[in-house]
Amino acid sequence: RFGVTGVAIGWSGISPIRDWRGASDIHGRKLEITLEAVADEIAGMANLLMGEAGDSTPAVVVRGLPRFDGDGSVFMPQERDVIRAVLSKCREA
């Protein structure tokens, strides 16, 4: 894929991940694996609003987000992180 997007490097006052597991989709099927990266979605939207290069909008304030329970981490646990395992093997070679 081409292009860049905003990625959250920090957050405050929100849960960065929304866990949809156990909820139903629009067809009534129970979701089993869906974790939504809320902090990164906000960062991507803010990046779109700020623009690139000389667009000159230095910040975006986001208000009125709904509250929900979620985990405080966006990082995959090491034992489940396929990318980290592959990169470790490349470093060893």
PDB file of N, CA and C in Angstrom:
ATOM      1  N   ARG A   1       0.831  -1.182   0.000  1.00  0.00           N
ATOM      2  CA  ARG A   1       0.000   0.000   0.000  1.00  0.00           C
ATOM      3  C   ARG A   1       0.872   1.242   0.000  1.00  0.00           C
ATOM      4  N   PHE A   2       0.390   2.283  -0.663  1.00  0.00           N
ATOM      5  CA  PHE A   2       1.040   3.583  -0.646  1.00  0.00           C
ATOM      6  C   PHE A   2       0.334   4.485   0.347  1.00  0.00           C
ATOM      7  N   GLY A   3       1.017   5.518   0.798  1.00  0.00           N
ATOM      8  CA  GLY A   3       0.394   6.528   1.632  1.00  0.00           C
ATOM      9  C   GLY A   3       0.812   6.452   3.079  1.00  0.00           C
ATOM     10  N   VAL A   4       0.510   7.515   3.792  1.00  0.00           N
ATOM     11  CA  VAL A   4       0.812   7.589   5.217  1.00  0.00           C
ATOM     12  C   VAL A   4      -0.481   7.809   5.974  1.00  0.00           C
ATOM     13  N   THR A   5      -0.458   7.518   7.252  1.00  0.00           N
ATOM     14  CA  THR A   5      -1.602   7.759   8.115  1.00  0.00           C
ATOM     15  C   THR A   5      -1.103   8.132   9.491  1.00  0.00           C
ATOM     16  N   GLY A   6      -1.931   8.785  10.272  1.00  0.00           N
ATOM     17  CA  GLY A   6      -1.570   9.108  11.641  1.00  0.00           C
ATOM     18  C   GLY A   6      -1.636   7.869  12.511  1.00  0.00           C
ATOM     19  N   VAL A   7      -0.732   7.810  13.487  1.00  0.00           N
ATOM     20  CA  VAL A   7      -0.705   6.721  14.457  1.00  0.00           C
ATOM     21  C   VAL A   7      -0.544   7.340  15.831  1.00  0.00           C
ATOM     22  N   ALA A   8      -1.310   6.871  16.787  1.00  0.00           N
ATOM     23  CA  ALA A   8      -1.245   7.414  18.139  1.00  0.00           C
ATOM     24  C   ALA A   8       0.061   7.004  18.814  1.00  0.00           C
ATOM     25  N   ILE A   9       0.752   7.976  19.378  1.00  0.00           N
ATOM     26  CA  ILE A   9       1.945   7.675  20.172  1.00  0.00           C
ATOM     27  C   ILE A   9       1.678   7.912  21.652  1.00  0.00           C
ATOM     28  N   GLY A  10       0.505   8.427  21.960  1.00  0.00           N
ATOM     29  CA  GLY A  10       0.098   8.636  23.339  1.00  0.00           C
ATOM     30  C   GLY A  10      -1.382   8.955  23.375  1.00  0.00           C
ATOM     31  N   TRP A  11      -2.010   8.819  24.531  1.00  0.00           N
ATOM     32  CA  TRP A  11      -3.429   9.108  24.674  1.00  0.00           C
ATOM     33  C   TRP A  11      -3.709   9.355  26.148  1.00  0.00           C
ATOM     34  N   SER A  12      -4.779  10.044  26.409  1.00  0.00           N
ATOM     35  CA  SER A  12      -5.173  10.341  27.780  1.00  0.00           C
ATOM     36  C   SER A  12      -6.691  10.454  27.840  1.00  0.00           C
ATOM     37  N   GLY A  13      -7.275   9.852  28.839  1.00  0.00           N
ATOM     38  CA  GLY A  13      -8.707   9.986  29.060  1.00  0.00           C
ATOM     39  C   GLY A  13      -9.575   9.077  28.222  1.00  0.00           C
ATOM     40  N   ILE A  14      -8.980   8.232  27.407  1.00  0.00           N
ATOM     41  CA  ILE A  14      -9.750   7.281  26.601  1.00  0.00           C
ATOM     42  C   ILE A  14      -9.104   5.909  26.695  1.00  0.00           C
ATOM     43  N   SER A  15      -9.873   4.893  26.398  1.00  0.00           N
ATOM     44  CA  SER A  15      -9.308   3.558  26.221  1.00  0.00           C
ATOM     45  C   SER A  15      -8.849   3.463  24.769  1.00  0.00           C
ATOM     46  N   PRO A  16      -7.585   3.141  24.519  1.00  0.00           N
ATOM     47  CA  PRO A  16      -7.075   3.127  23.150  1.00  0.00           C
ATOM     48  C   PRO A  16      -7.603   1.973  22.306  1.00  0.00           C
ATOM     49  N   ILE A  17      -8.143   0.958  22.948  1.00  0.00           N
ATOM     50  CA  ILE A  17      -8.676  -0.225  22.260  1.00  0.00           C
ATOM     51  C   ILE A  17     -10.117  -0.434  22.701  1.00  0.00           C
ATOM     52  N   ARG A  18     -11.003  -0.669  21.745  1.00  0.00           N
ATOM     53  CA  ARG A  18     -12.385  -1.047  22.078  1.00  0.00           C
ATOM     54  C   ARG A  18     -12.568  -2.512  21.729  1.00  0.00           C
ATOM     55  N   ASP A  19     -12.975  -3.272  22.701  1.00  0.00           N
ATOM     56  CA  ASP A  19     -13.137  -4.717  22.550  1.00  0.00           C
ATOM     57  C   ASP A  19     -14.577  -5.023  22.152  1.00  0.00           C
ATOM     58  N   TRP A  20     -14.769  -5.469  20.930  1.00  0.00           N
ATOM     59  CA  TRP A  20     -16.103  -5.788  20.416  1.00  0.00           C
ATOM     60  C   TRP A  20     -16.457  -7.274  20.591  1.00  0.00           C
ATOM     61  N   ARG A  21     -15.522  -8.069  21.126  1.00  0.00           N
ATOM     62  CA  ARG A  21     -15.789  -9.504  21.275  1.00  0.00           C
ATOM     63  C   ARG A  21     -17.005  -9.728  22.157  1.00  0.00           C
ATOM     64  N   GLY A  22     -17.904 -10.590  21.713  1.00  0.00           N
ATOM     65  CA  GLY A  22     -19.129 -10.882  22.439  1.00  0.00           C
ATOM     66  C   GLY A  22     -20.325 -10.071  21.957  1.00  0.00           C
ATOM     67  N   ALA A  23     -20.058  -8.944  21.264  1.00  0.00           N
ATOM     68  CA  ALA A  23     -21.153  -8.144  20.703  1.00  0.00           C
ATOM     69  C   ALA A  23     -21.639  -8.812  19.418  1.00  0.00           C
ATOM     70  N   SER A  24     -22.794  -8.402  18.935  1.00  0.00           N
ATOM     71  CA  SER A  24     -23.339  -8.970  17.704  1.00  0.00           C
ATOM     72  C   SER A  24     -23.134  -8.017  16.538  1.00  0.00           C
ATOM     73  N   ASP A  25     -22.890  -8.588  15.345  1.00  0.00           N
ATOM     74  CA  ASP A  25     -22.788  -7.764  14.146  1.00  0.00           C
ATOM     75  C   ASP A  25     -24.192  -7.456  13.618  1.00  0.00           C
ATOM     76  N   ILE A  26     -24.286  -6.792  12.468  1.00  0.00           N
ATOM     77  CA  ILE A  26     -25.595  -6.389  11.943  1.00  0.00           C
ATOM     78  C   ILE A  26     -26.460  -7.578  11.527  1.00  0.00           C
ATOM     79  N   HIS A  27     -25.870  -8.758  11.439  1.00  0.00           N
ATOM     80  CA  HIS A  27     -26.622  -9.966  11.081  1.00  0.00           C
ATOM     81  C   HIS A  27     -26.910 -10.834  12.295  1.00  0.00           C
ATOM     82  N   GLY A  28     -26.565 -10.321  13.480  1.00  0.00           N
ATOM     83  CA  GLY A  28     -26.842 -11.058  14.707  1.00  0.00           C
ATOM     84  C   GLY A  28     -25.784 -12.080  15.077  1.00  0.00           C
ATOM     85  N   ARG A  29     -24.706 -12.158  14.303  1.00  0.00           N
ATOM     86  CA  ARG A  29     -23.639 -13.119  14.624  1.00  0.00           C
ATOM     87  C   ARG A  29     -22.737 -12.540  15.707  1.00  0.00           C
ATOM     88  N   LYS A  30     -22.316 -13.378  16.628  1.00  0.00           N
ATOM     89  CA  LYS A  30     -21.470 -12.955  17.732  1.00  0.00           C
ATOM     90  C   LYS A  30     -20.034 -12.732  17.241  1.00  0.00           C
ATOM     91  N   LEU A  31     -19.466 -11.557  17.562  1.00  0.00           N
ATOM     92  CA  LEU A  31     -18.090 -11.259  17.185  1.00  0.00           C
ATOM     93  C   LEU A  31     -17.136 -11.995  18.114  1.00  0.00           C
ATOM     94  N   GLU A  32     -16.071 -12.534  17.546  1.00  0.00           N
ATOM     95  CA  GLU A  32     -15.133 -13.328  18.329  1.00  0.00           C
ATOM     96  C   GLU A  32     -13.748 -12.716  18.452  1.00  0.00           C
ATOM     97  N   ILE A  33     -13.314 -11.888  17.478  1.00  0.00           N
ATOM     98  CA  ILE A  33     -11.925 -11.425  17.504  1.00  0.00           C
ATOM     99  C   ILE A  33     -11.742  -9.920  17.323  1.00  0.00           C
ATOM    100  N   THR A  34     -12.794  -9.159  17.195  1.00  0.00           N
ATOM    101  CA  THR A  34     -12.671  -7.759  16.803  1.00  0.00           C
ATOM    102  C   THR A  34     -12.222  -6.856  17.950  1.00  0.00           C
ATOM    103  N   LEU A  35     -11.042  -6.281  17.790  1.00  0.00           N
ATOM    104  CA  LEU A  35     -10.512  -5.246  18.672  1.00  0.00           C
ATOM    105  C   LEU A  35     -10.287  -4.013  17.808  1.00  0.00           C
ATOM    106  N   GLU A  36     -10.931  -2.913  18.151  1.00  0.00           N
ATOM    107  CA  GLU A  36     -10.850  -1.684  17.365  1.00  0.00           C
ATOM    108  C   GLU A  36      -9.769  -0.762  17.951  1.00  0.00           C
ATOM    109  N   ALA A  37      -8.842  -0.326  17.125  1.00  0.00           N
ATOM    110  CA  ALA A  37      -7.755   0.555  17.555  1.00  0.00           C
ATOM    111  C   ALA A  37      -8.244   2.006  17.553  1.00  0.00           C
ATOM    112  N   VAL A  38      -9.010   2.375  18.569  1.00  0.00           N
ATOM    113  CA  VAL A  38      -9.650   3.688  18.639  1.00  0.00           C
ATOM    114  C   VAL A  38      -8.637   4.824  18.608  1.00  0.00           C
ATOM    115  N   ALA A  39      -7.572   4.730  19.399  1.00  0.00           N
ATOM    116  CA  ALA A  39      -6.579   5.810  19.445  1.00  0.00           C
ATOM    117  C   ALA A  39      -5.945   6.025  18.070  1.00  0.00           C
ATOM    118  N   ASP A  40      -5.655   4.955  17.355  1.00  0.00           N
ATOM    119  CA  ASP A  40      -5.075   5.094  16.013  1.00  0.00           C
ATOM    120  C   ASP A  40      -6.096   5.635  15.018  1.00  0.00           C
ATOM    121  N   GLU A  41      -7.361   5.270  15.169  1.00  0.00           N
ATOM    122  CA  GLU A  41      -8.384   5.821  14.270  1.00  0.00           C
ATOM    123  C   GLU A  41      -8.538   7.331  14.477  1.00  0.00           C
ATOM    124  N   ILE A  42      -8.483   7.765  15.723  1.00  0.00           N
ATOM    125  CA  ILE A  42      -8.540   9.203  16.007  1.00  0.00           C
ATOM    126  C   ILE A  42      -7.321   9.901  15.420  1.00  0.00           C
ATOM    127  N   ALA A  43      -6.149   9.306  15.573  1.00  0.00           N
ATOM    128  CA  ALA A  43      -4.918   9.890  15.021  1.00  0.00           C
ATOM    129  C   ALA A  43      -4.987   9.980  13.505  1.00  0.00           C
ATOM    130  N   GLY A  44      -5.524   8.959  12.842  1.00  0.00           N
ATOM    131  CA  GLY A  44      -5.666   8.987  11.391  1.00  0.00           C
ATOM    132  C   GLY A  44      -6.618  10.083  10.941  1.00  0.00           C
ATOM    133  N   MET A  45      -7.722  10.255  11.666  1.00  0.00           N
ATOM    134  CA  MET A  45      -8.673  11.308  11.335  1.00  0.00           C
ATOM    135  C   MET A  45      -8.046  12.681  11.554  1.00  0.00           C
ATOM    136  N   ALA A  46      -7.321  12.837  12.660  1.00  0.00           N
ATOM    137  CA  ALA A  46      -6.663  14.112  12.946  1.00  0.00           C
ATOM    138  C   ALA A  46      -5.629  14.433  11.879  1.00  0.00           C
ATOM    139  N   ASN A  47      -4.889  13.424  11.433  1.00  0.00           N
ATOM    140  CA  ASN A  47      -3.904  13.626  10.378  1.00  0.00           C
ATOM    141  C   ASN A  47      -4.569  14.126   9.090  1.00  0.00           C
ATOM    142  N   LEU A  48      -5.728  13.574   8.760  1.00  0.00           N
ATOM    143  CA  LEU A  48      -6.470  14.011   7.583  1.00  0.00           C
ATOM    144  C   LEU A  48      -6.899  15.468   7.717  1.00  0.00           C
ATOM    145  N   LEU A  49      -7.371  15.852   8.906  1.00  0.00           N
ATOM    146  CA  LEU A  49      -7.817  17.227   9.131  1.00  0.00           C
ATOM    147  C   LEU A  49      -6.646  18.215   9.170  1.00  0.00           C
ATOM    148  N   MET A  50      -5.513  17.805   9.732  1.00  0.00           N
ATOM    149  CA  MET A  50      -4.356  18.698   9.819  1.00  0.00           C
ATOM    150  C   MET A  50      -3.705  18.913   8.464  1.00  0.00           C
ATOM    151  N   GLY A  51      -3.744  17.896   7.625  1.00  0.00           N
ATOM    152  CA  GLY A  51      -3.114  18.007   6.322  1.00  0.00           C
ATOM    153  C   GLY A  51      -1.634  17.670   6.387  1.00  0.00           C
ATOM    154  N   GLU A  52      -0.980  17.834   5.263  1.00  0.00           N
ATOM    155  CA  GLU A  52       0.438  17.523   5.143  1.00  0.00           C
ATOM    156  C   GLU A  52       1.186  18.749   4.629  1.00  0.00           C
ATOM    157  N   ALA A  53       2.484  18.693   4.721  1.00  0.00           N
ATOM    158  CA  ALA A  53       3.387  19.717   4.176  1.00  0.00           C
ATOM    159  C   ALA A  53       3.024  21.110   4.671  1.00  0.00           C
ATOM    160  N   GLY A  54       2.639  22.010   3.787  1.00  0.00           N
ATOM    161  CA  GLY A  54       2.369  23.391   4.157  1.00  0.00           C
ATOM    162  C   GLY A  54       0.936  23.682   4.529  1.00  0.00           C
ATOM    163  N   ASP A  55       0.143  22.679   4.884  1.00  0.00           N
ATOM    164  CA  ASP A  55      -1.266  22.923   5.203  1.00  0.00           C
ATOM    165  C   ASP A  55      -1.455  23.725   6.489  1.00  0.00           C
ATOM    166  N   SER A  56      -0.472  23.723   7.369  1.00  0.00           N
ATOM    167  CA  SER A  56      -0.393  24.629   8.524  1.00  0.00           C
ATOM    168  C   SER A  56      -1.485  24.510   9.567  1.00  0.00           C
ATOM    169  N   THR A  57      -2.046  23.340   9.792  1.00  0.00           N
ATOM    170  CA  THR A  57      -2.955  23.134  10.920  1.00  0.00           C
ATOM    171  C   THR A  57      -2.196  22.266  11.917  1.00  0.00           C
ATOM    172  N   PRO A  58      -1.661  22.867  12.990  1.00  0.00           N
ATOM    173  CA  PRO A  58      -0.744  22.134  13.872  1.00  0.00           C
ATOM    174  C   PRO A  58      -1.387  21.163  14.849  1.00  0.00           C
ATOM    175  N   ALA A  59      -2.692  21.272  15.084  1.00  0.00           N
ATOM    176  CA  ALA A  59      -3.338  20.403  16.067  1.00  0.00           C
ATOM    177  C   ALA A  59      -4.821  20.265  15.765  1.00  0.00           C
ATOM    178  N   VAL A  60      -5.385  19.179  16.247  1.00  0.00           N
ATOM    179  CA  VAL A  60      -6.826  18.940  16.143  1.00  0.00           C
ATOM    180  C   VAL A  60      -7.311  18.573  17.539  1.00  0.00           C
ATOM    181  N   VAL A  61      -8.380  19.209  17.986  1.00  0.00           N
ATOM    182  CA  VAL A  61      -8.989  18.894  19.278  1.00  0.00           C
ATOM    183  C   VAL A  61     -10.213  18.028  19.012  1.00  0.00           C
ATOM    184  N   VAL A  62     -10.261  16.873  19.666  1.00  0.00           N
ATOM    185  CA  VAL A  62     -11.377  15.940  19.502  1.00  0.00           C
ATOM    186  C   VAL A  62     -12.170  15.934  20.806  1.00  0.00           C
ATOM    187  N   ARG A  63     -13.453  16.211  20.707  1.00  0.00           N
ATOM    188  CA  ARG A  63     -14.320  16.242  21.892  1.00  0.00           C
ATOM    189  C   ARG A  63     -15.555  15.382  21.654  1.00  0.00           C
ATOM    190  N   GLY A  64     -16.181  14.979  22.741  1.00  0.00           N
ATOM    191  CA  GLY A  64     -17.484  14.323  22.657  1.00  0.00           C
ATOM    192  C   GLY A  64     -17.443  12.859  22.286  1.00  0.00           C
ATOM    193  N   LEU A  65     -16.297  12.211  22.466  1.00  0.00           N
ATOM    194  CA  LEU A  65     -16.232  10.782  22.158  1.00  0.00           C
ATOM    195  C   LEU A  65     -17.050   9.993  23.177  1.00  0.00           C
ATOM    196  N   PRO A  66     -17.733   8.947  22.734  1.00  0.00           N
ATOM    197  CA  PRO A  66     -18.464   8.122  23.700  1.00  0.00           C
ATOM    198  C   PRO A  66     -17.491   7.367  24.604  1.00  0.00           C
ATOM    199  N   ARG A  67     -17.900   7.127  25.819  1.00  0.00           N
ATOM    200  CA  ARG A  67     -17.075   6.367  26.766  1.00  0.00           C
ATOM    201  C   ARG A  67     -17.351   4.881  26.602  1.00  0.00           C
ATOM    202  N   PHE A  68     -16.331   4.083  26.753  1.00  0.00           N
ATOM    203  CA  PHE A  68     -16.482   2.636  26.725  1.00  0.00           C
ATOM    204  C   PHE A  68     -15.339   2.023  27.508  1.00  0.00           C
ATOM    205  N   ASP A  69     -15.524   0.805  27.940  1.00  0.00           N
ATOM    206  CA  ASP A  69     -14.473   0.091  28.656  1.00  0.00           C
ATOM    207  C   ASP A  69     -13.540  -0.538  27.642  1.00  0.00           C
ATOM    208  N   GLY A  70     -12.278  -0.559  27.971  1.00  0.00           N
ATOM    209  CA  GLY A  70     -11.309  -1.185  27.086  1.00  0.00           C
ATOM    210  C   GLY A  70      -9.985  -1.358  27.785  1.00  0.00           C
ATOM    211  N   ASP A  71      -9.078  -1.995  27.092  1.00  0.00           N
ATOM    212  CA  ASP A  71      -7.740  -2.247  27.604  1.00  0.00           C
ATOM    213  C   ASP A  71      -6.905  -0.973  27.482  1.00  0.00           C
ATOM    214  N   GLY A  72      -5.886  -0.845  28.290  1.00  0.00           N
ATOM    215  CA  GLY A  72      -5.031   0.328  28.250  1.00  0.00           C
ATOM    216  C   GLY A  72      -3.841   0.193  27.346  1.00  0.00           C
ATOM    217  N   SER A  73      -3.737  -0.854  26.559  1.00  0.00           N
ATOM    218  CA  SER A  73      -2.560  -1.057  25.721  1.00  0.00           C
ATOM    219  C   SER A  73      -2.949  -1.334  24.278  1.00  0.00           C
ATOM    220  N   VAL A  74      -2.143  -0.835  23.359  1.00  0.00           N
ATOM    221  CA  VAL A  74      -2.357  -1.120  21.945  1.00  0.00           C
ATOM    222  C   VAL A  74      -1.343  -2.143  21.430  1.00  0.00           C
ATOM    223  N   PHE A  75      -0.461  -2.611  22.302  1.00  0.00           N
ATOM    224  CA  PHE A  75       0.622  -3.493  21.873  1.00  0.00           C
ATOM    225  C   PHE A  75       0.258  -4.958  22.063  1.00  0.00           C
ATOM    226  N   MET A  76       0.560  -5.755  21.051  1.00  0.00           N
ATOM    227  CA  MET A  76       0.318  -7.192  21.074  1.00  0.00           C
ATOM    228  C   MET A  76       1.232  -7.839  22.115  1.00  0.00           C
ATOM    229  N   PRO A  77       0.709  -8.738  22.951  1.00  0.00           N
ATOM    230  CA  PRO A  77       1.585  -9.449  23.889  1.00  0.00           C
ATOM    231  C   PRO A  77       2.677 -10.200  23.114  1.00  0.00           C
ATOM    232  N   GLN A  78       3.872 -10.207  23.654  1.00  0.00           N
ATOM    233  CA  GLN A  78       5.016 -10.783  22.945  1.00  0.00           C
ATOM    234  C   GLN A  78       4.769 -12.219  22.488  1.00  0.00           C
ATOM    235  N   GLU A  79       4.082 -13.011  23.296  1.00  0.00           N
ATOM    236  CA  GLU A  79       3.865 -14.416  22.932  1.00  0.00           C
ATOM    237  C   GLU A  79       2.916 -14.579  21.740  1.00  0.00           C
ATOM    238  N   ARG A  80       2.146 -13.535  21.404  1.00  0.00           N
ATOM    239  CA  ARG A  80       1.223 -13.594  20.256  1.00  0.00           C
ATOM    240  C   ARG A  80       1.696 -12.753  19.072  1.00  0.00           C
ATOM    241  N   ASP A  81       2.799 -12.063  19.208  1.00  0.00           N
ATOM    242  CA  ASP A  81       3.277 -11.115  18.206  1.00  0.00           C
ATOM    243  C   ASP A  81       4.110 -11.823  17.141  1.00  0.00           C
ATOM    244  N   VAL A  82       3.499 -12.120  16.011  1.00  0.00           N
ATOM    245  CA  VAL A  82       4.159 -12.829  14.916  1.00  0.00           C
ATOM    246  C   VAL A  82       5.266 -11.968  14.309  1.00  0.00           C
ATOM    247  N   ILE A  83       5.022 -10.687  14.147  1.00  0.00           N
ATOM    248  CA  ILE A  83       6.006  -9.789  13.531  1.00  0.00           C
ATOM    249  C   ILE A  83       7.270  -9.711  14.379  1.00  0.00           C
ATOM    250  N   ARG A  84       7.117  -9.531  15.671  1.00  0.00           N
ATOM    251  CA  ARG A  84       8.272  -9.444  16.564  1.00  0.00           C
ATOM    252  C   ARG A  84       9.099 -10.725  16.509  1.00  0.00           C
ATOM    253  N   ALA A  85       8.444 -11.877  16.442  1.00  0.00           N
ATOM    254  CA  ALA A  85       9.159 -13.147  16.374  1.00  0.00           C
ATOM    255  C   ALA A  85       9.977 -13.254  15.088  1.00  0.00           C
ATOM    256  N   VAL A  86       9.400 -12.850  13.962  1.00  0.00           N
ATOM    257  CA  VAL A  86      10.118 -12.902  12.681  1.00  0.00           C
ATOM    258  C   VAL A  86      11.296 -11.934  12.682  1.00  0.00           C
ATOM    259  N   LEU A  87      11.083 -10.720  13.178  1.00  0.00           N
ATOM    260  CA  LEU A  87      12.172  -9.744  13.233  1.00  0.00           C
ATOM    261  C   LEU A  87      13.307 -10.220  14.126  1.00  0.00           C
ATOM    262  N   SER A  88      12.986 -10.902  15.205  1.00  0.00           N
ATOM    263  CA  SER A  88      14.031 -11.444  16.087  1.00  0.00           C
ATOM    264  C   SER A  88      14.871 -12.475  15.359  1.00  0.00           C
ATOM    265  N   LYS A  89      14.237 -13.305  14.552  1.00  0.00           N
ATOM    266  CA  LYS A  89      14.990 -14.314  13.798  1.00  0.00           C
ATOM    267  C   LYS A  89      15.872 -13.656  12.748  1.00  0.00           C
ATOM    268  N   CYS A  90      15.419 -12.575  12.139  1.00  0.00           N
ATOM    269  CA  CYS A  90      16.225 -11.866  11.140  1.00  0.00           C
ATOM    270  C   CYS A  90      17.449 -11.248  11.794  1.00  0.00           C
ATOM    271  N   ARG A  91      17.293 -10.740  12.984  1.00  0.00           N
ATOM    272  CA  ARG A  91      18.408 -10.136  13.706  1.00  0.00           C
ATOM    273  C   ARG A  91      19.469 -11.172  14.044  1.00  0.00           C
ATOM    274  N   GLU A  92      19.031 -12.396  14.356  1.00  0.00           N
ATOM    275  CA  GLU A  92      19.950 -13.469  14.734  1.00  0.00           C
ATOM    276  C   GLU A  92      20.743 -13.965  13.537  1.00  0.00           C
ATOM    277  N   ALA A  93      20.190 -13.841  12.341  1.00  0.00           N
ATOM    278  CA  ALA A  93      20.845 -14.378  11.140  1.00  0.00           C
ATOM    279  C   ALA A  93      22.038 -13.548  10.719  1.00  0.00           C
TER     280      ALA A  93
END
